[in-house]
Amino acid sequence: MHTQQQELLNALNSAFPLAREIQTVKQHEQALAQLEVLLEDYDTNCIIIEALAAAIERYESQANEFQPFNRRQKSLDSAVEMFRLLMEQHGLNTTDFEAEIGKKSLVSQILNGHKQLTRRHIENLANRFGVSPGVFF
């Protein structure tokens, strides 16, 4: 590696040590704060943003304080969560999906995990919101 490149990498490592590894809650908080500042100019900071975001993700996937959240996330139905997100973004409620899913009671059962979205439901929702059916998987 050229000397100039090595010097640049050393400077980046010195300026952003948390982009390599986060080990404590305090470091995690510092990394989140750094990321927030860097995101103000994504185009200029994209390389360090990606490295810092990856370090944050690694920490959050392994740290004990995130384990209950991580377990809950793994247990969620991604199709239902996407449906919830789209409902929230568009200011809709359970009565707004008779054409795509059916009666309010069926929509409620799906949102509460008692029933699942069918392929037809997903296709209908994808058409309504102008998204690919793949976002539900």
C-alpha atoms as a PDB file:
ATOM      1  CA  MET A   1       0.000   0.000   0.000  1.00  0.00           C
ATOM      2  CA  HIS A   2       1.239   3.468  -0.817  1.00  0.00           C
ATOM      3  CA  THR A   3       2.439   5.638   2.035  1.00  0.00           C
ATOM      4  CA  GLN A   4      -0.178   8.309   1.318  1.00  0.00           C
ATOM      5  CA  GLN A   5      -3.006   5.751   1.438  1.00  0.00           C
ATOM      6  CA  GLN A   6      -1.674   4.287   4.675  1.00  0.00           C
ATOM      7  CA  GLU A   7      -1.475   7.747   6.224  1.00  0.00           C
ATOM      8  CA  LEU A   8      -5.068   8.429   5.210  1.00  0.00           C
ATOM      9  CA  LEU A   9      -6.247   5.128   6.715  1.00  0.00           C
ATOM     10  CA  ASN A  10      -4.338   5.846   9.921  1.00  0.00           C
ATOM     11  CA  ALA A  11      -5.945   9.297  10.119  1.00  0.00           C
ATOM     12  CA  LEU A  12      -9.423   7.805   9.613  1.00  0.00           C
ATOM     13  CA  ASN A  13      -8.792   5.154  12.262  1.00  0.00           C
ATOM     14  CA  SER A  14      -7.612   7.838  14.683  1.00  0.00           C
ATOM     15  CA  ALA A  15     -10.544  10.154  13.962  1.00  0.00           C
ATOM     16  CA  PHE A  16     -13.185   7.411  14.054  1.00  0.00           C
ATOM     17  CA  PRO A  17     -11.967   4.520  16.232  1.00  0.00           C
ATOM     18  CA  LEU A  18     -15.561   3.441  16.860  1.00  0.00           C
ATOM     19  CA  ALA A  19     -15.954   2.616  13.166  1.00  0.00           C
ATOM     20  CA  ARG A  20     -13.839  -0.465  13.849  1.00  0.00           C
ATOM     21  CA  GLU A  21     -15.296  -1.752  17.103  1.00  0.00           C
ATOM     22  CA  ILE A  22     -17.792  -0.715  19.757  1.00  0.00           C
ATOM     23  CA  GLN A  23     -17.501  -2.463  23.128  1.00  0.00           C
ATOM     24  CA  THR A  24     -19.485  -0.441  25.659  1.00  0.00           C
ATOM     25  CA  VAL A  25     -22.797   1.352  26.050  1.00  0.00           C
ATOM     26  CA  LYS A  26     -20.932   4.667  26.228  1.00  0.00           C
ATOM     27  CA  GLN A  27     -19.082   3.942  22.982  1.00  0.00           C
ATOM     28  CA  HIS A  28     -22.388   2.960  21.371  1.00  0.00           C
ATOM     29  CA  GLU A  29     -23.923   6.289  22.393  1.00  0.00           C
ATOM     30  CA  GLN A  30     -20.870   8.140  21.067  1.00  0.00           C
ATOM     31  CA  ALA A  31     -21.048   6.253  17.774  1.00  0.00           C
ATOM     32  CA  LEU A  32     -24.729   7.103  17.363  1.00  0.00           C
ATOM     33  CA  ALA A  33     -23.960  10.775  18.022  1.00  0.00           C
ATOM     34  CA  GLN A  34     -21.103  10.724  15.497  1.00  0.00           C
ATOM     35  CA  LEU A  35     -23.321   9.034  12.938  1.00  0.00           C
ATOM     36  CA  GLU A  36     -25.994  11.687  13.360  1.00  0.00           C
ATOM     37  CA  VAL A  37     -23.479  14.452  12.640  1.00  0.00           C
ATOM     38  CA  LEU A  38     -21.961  12.616   9.673  1.00  0.00           C
ATOM     39  CA  LEU A  39     -25.379  12.025   8.109  1.00  0.00           C
ATOM     40  CA  GLU A  40     -25.804  15.777   7.682  1.00  0.00           C
ATOM     41  CA  ASP A  41     -23.505  15.448   4.642  1.00  0.00           C
ATOM     42  CA  TYR A  42     -23.927  11.868   3.466  1.00  0.00           C
ATOM     43  CA  ASP A  43     -22.211  12.310   0.098  1.00  0.00           C
ATOM     44  CA  THR A  44     -19.014  13.599   1.655  1.00  0.00           C
ATOM     45  CA  ASN A  45     -19.022  11.165   4.583  1.00  0.00           C
ATOM     46  CA  CYS A  46     -20.488   8.026   2.991  1.00  0.00           C
ATOM     47  CA  ILE A  47     -17.455   5.775   3.504  1.00  0.00           C
ATOM     48  CA  ILE A  48     -17.108   6.494   7.221  1.00  0.00           C
ATOM     49  CA  ILE A  49     -20.913   6.409   7.629  1.00  0.00           C
ATOM     50  CA  GLU A  50     -21.014   2.882   6.193  1.00  0.00           C
ATOM     51  CA  ALA A  51     -18.163   1.730   8.437  1.00  0.00           C
ATOM     52  CA  LEU A  52     -19.658   3.321  11.547  1.00  0.00           C
ATOM     53  CA  ALA A  53     -23.146   1.972  10.779  1.00  0.00           C
ATOM     54  CA  ALA A  54     -21.701  -1.533  10.362  1.00  0.00           C
ATOM     55  CA  ALA A  55     -19.920  -1.270  13.728  1.00  0.00           C
ATOM     56  CA  ILE A  56     -23.149  -0.076  15.377  1.00  0.00           C
ATOM     57  CA  GLU A  57     -25.065  -2.951  13.801  1.00  0.00           C
ATOM     58  CA  ARG A  58     -22.491  -5.504  15.012  1.00  0.00           C
ATOM     59  CA  TYR A  59     -22.645  -4.103  18.541  1.00  0.00           C
ATOM     60  CA  GLU A  60     -26.455  -4.039  18.604  1.00  0.00           C
ATOM     61  CA  SER A  61     -26.664  -7.625  17.365  1.00  0.00           C
ATOM     62  CA  GLN A  62     -24.359  -8.870  20.153  1.00  0.00           C
ATOM     63  CA  ALA A  63     -24.824  -6.596  23.179  1.00  0.00           C
ATOM     64  CA  ASN A  64     -26.871  -8.010  26.044  1.00  0.00           C
ATOM     65  CA  GLU A  65     -29.081  -4.935  26.382  1.00  0.00           C
ATOM     66  CA  PHE A  66     -30.353  -5.447  22.805  1.00  0.00           C
ATOM     67  CA  GLN A  67     -31.093  -9.173  23.081  1.00  0.00           C
ATOM     68  CA  PRO A  68     -34.765  -8.846  24.140  1.00  0.00           C
ATOM     69  CA  PHE A  69     -35.370  -6.453  21.245  1.00  0.00           C
ATOM     70  CA  ASN A  70     -33.485  -8.702  18.797  1.00  0.00           C
ATOM     71  CA  ARG A  71     -35.492 -11.766  19.878  1.00  0.00           C
ATOM     72  CA  ARG A  72     -38.747  -9.853  19.466  1.00  0.00           C
ATOM     73  CA  GLN A  73     -37.731  -8.631  16.013  1.00  0.00           C
ATOM     74  CA  LYS A  74     -36.918 -12.169  14.878  1.00  0.00           C
ATOM     75  CA  SER A  75     -40.345 -13.360  15.985  1.00  0.00           C
ATOM     76  CA  LEU A  76     -42.270 -10.700  14.038  1.00  0.00           C
ATOM     77  CA  ASP A  77     -44.025 -11.489  10.779  1.00  0.00           C
ATOM     78  CA  SER A  78     -42.319  -9.257   8.208  1.00  0.00           C
ATOM     79  CA  ALA A  79     -45.430  -9.106   6.004  1.00  0.00           C
ATOM     80  CA  VAL A  80     -47.593  -7.878   8.875  1.00  0.00           C
ATOM     81  CA  GLU A  81     -44.936  -5.394   9.998  1.00  0.00           C
ATOM     82  CA  MET A  82     -44.703  -3.978   6.471  1.00  0.00           C
ATOM     83  CA  PHE A  83     -48.508  -3.763   6.379  1.00  0.00           C
ATOM     84  CA  ARG A  84     -48.469  -1.875   9.707  1.00  0.00           C
ATOM     85  CA  LEU A  85     -45.804   0.502   8.413  1.00  0.00           C
ATOM     86  CA  LEU A  86     -47.748   1.252   5.230  1.00  0.00           C
ATOM     87  CA  MET A  87     -50.923   1.795   7.247  1.00  0.00           C
ATOM     88  CA  GLU A  88     -49.123   4.232   9.531  1.00  0.00           C
ATOM     89  CA  GLN A  89     -47.424   6.106   6.695  1.00  0.00           C
ATOM     90  CA  HIS A  90     -50.726   6.579   4.883  1.00  0.00           C
ATOM     91  CA  GLY A  91     -52.821   7.332   7.972  1.00  0.00           C
ATOM     92  CA  LEU A  92     -55.080   4.322   7.439  1.00  0.00           C
ATOM     93  CA  ASN A  93     -56.911   2.041   9.858  1.00  0.00           C
ATOM     94  CA  THR A  94     -58.492  -1.418   9.811  1.00  0.00           C
ATOM     95  CA  THR A  95     -61.654  -0.210   8.074  1.00  0.00           C
ATOM     96  CA  ASP A  96     -59.747   0.971   4.993  1.00  0.00           C
ATOM     97  CA  PHE A  97     -58.890  -2.435   3.521  1.00  0.00           C
ATOM     98  CA  GLU A  98     -62.163  -4.101   2.590  1.00  0.00           C
ATOM     99  CA  ALA A  99     -61.209  -4.199  -1.113  1.00  0.00           C
ATOM    100  CA  GLU A 100     -57.714  -5.608  -0.498  1.00  0.00           C
ATOM    101  CA  ILE A 101     -58.273  -7.952   2.452  1.00  0.00           C
ATOM    102  CA  GLY A 102     -61.875  -8.028   3.621  1.00  0.00           C
ATOM    103  CA  LYS A 103     -63.836  -6.977   6.657  1.00  0.00           C
ATOM    104  CA  LYS A 104     -62.353  -4.977   9.535  1.00  0.00           C
ATOM    105  CA  SER A 105     -62.421  -8.071  11.753  1.00  0.00           C
ATOM    106  CA  LEU A 106     -60.156 -10.017   9.371  1.00  0.00           C
ATOM    107  CA  VAL A 107     -57.729  -7.090   9.139  1.00  0.00           C
ATOM    108  CA  SER A 108     -57.638  -6.944  12.959  1.00  0.00           C
ATOM    109  CA  GLN A 109     -56.999 -10.690  13.191  1.00  0.00           C
ATOM    110  CA  ILE A 110     -54.089 -10.343  10.759  1.00  0.00           C
ATOM    111  CA  LEU A 111     -52.606  -7.403  12.656  1.00  0.00           C
ATOM    112  CA  ASN A 112     -52.942  -9.291  15.958  1.00  0.00           C
ATOM    113  CA  GLY A 113     -51.224 -12.403  14.597  1.00  0.00           C
ATOM    114  CA  HIS A 114     -54.290 -14.650  14.644  1.00  0.00           C
ATOM    115  CA  LYS A 115     -54.427 -14.905  10.839  1.00  0.00           C
ATOM    116  CA  GLN A 116     -51.821 -14.453   8.130  1.00  0.00           C
ATOM    117  CA  LEU A 117     -51.763 -12.344   5.014  1.00  0.00           C
ATOM    118  CA  THR A 118     -52.404 -14.522   1.973  1.00  0.00           C
ATOM    119  CA  ARG A 119     -50.673 -14.201  -1.362  1.00  0.00           C
ATOM    120  CA  ARG A 120     -53.811 -12.508  -2.738  1.00  0.00           C
ATOM    121  CA  HIS A 121     -53.828 -10.022   0.154  1.00  0.00           C
ATOM    122  CA  ILE A 122     -50.171  -9.184  -0.456  1.00  0.00           C
ATOM    123  CA  GLU A 123     -50.707  -8.716  -4.192  1.00  0.00           C
ATOM    124  CA  ASN A 124     -53.698  -6.453  -3.510  1.00  0.00           C
ATOM    125  CA  LEU A 125     -51.775  -4.402  -0.948  1.00  0.00           C
ATOM    126  CA  ALA A 126     -48.766  -4.114  -3.261  1.00  0.00           C
ATOM    127  CA  ASN A 127     -51.039  -2.777  -6.011  1.00  0.00           C
ATOM    128  CA  ARG A 128     -52.729  -0.320  -3.674  1.00  0.00           C
ATOM    129  CA  PHE A 129     -49.485   1.110  -2.328  1.00  0.00           C
ATOM    130  CA  GLY A 130     -47.502   0.874  -5.565  1.00  0.00           C
ATOM    131  CA  VAL A 131     -44.804  -1.366  -4.116  1.00  0.00           C
ATOM    132  CA  SER A 132     -43.364  -4.714  -5.087  1.00  0.00           C
ATOM    133  CA  PRO A 133     -44.943  -7.720  -3.345  1.00  0.00           C
ATOM    134  CA  GLY A 134     -41.371  -8.575  -2.337  1.00  0.00           C
ATOM    135  CA  VAL A 135     -41.356  -5.841   0.326  1.00  0.00           C
ATOM    136  CA  PHE A 136     -43.675  -8.045   2.376  1.00  0.00           C
ATOM    137  CA  PHE A 137     -41.105 -10.856   2.631  1.00  0.00           C
END
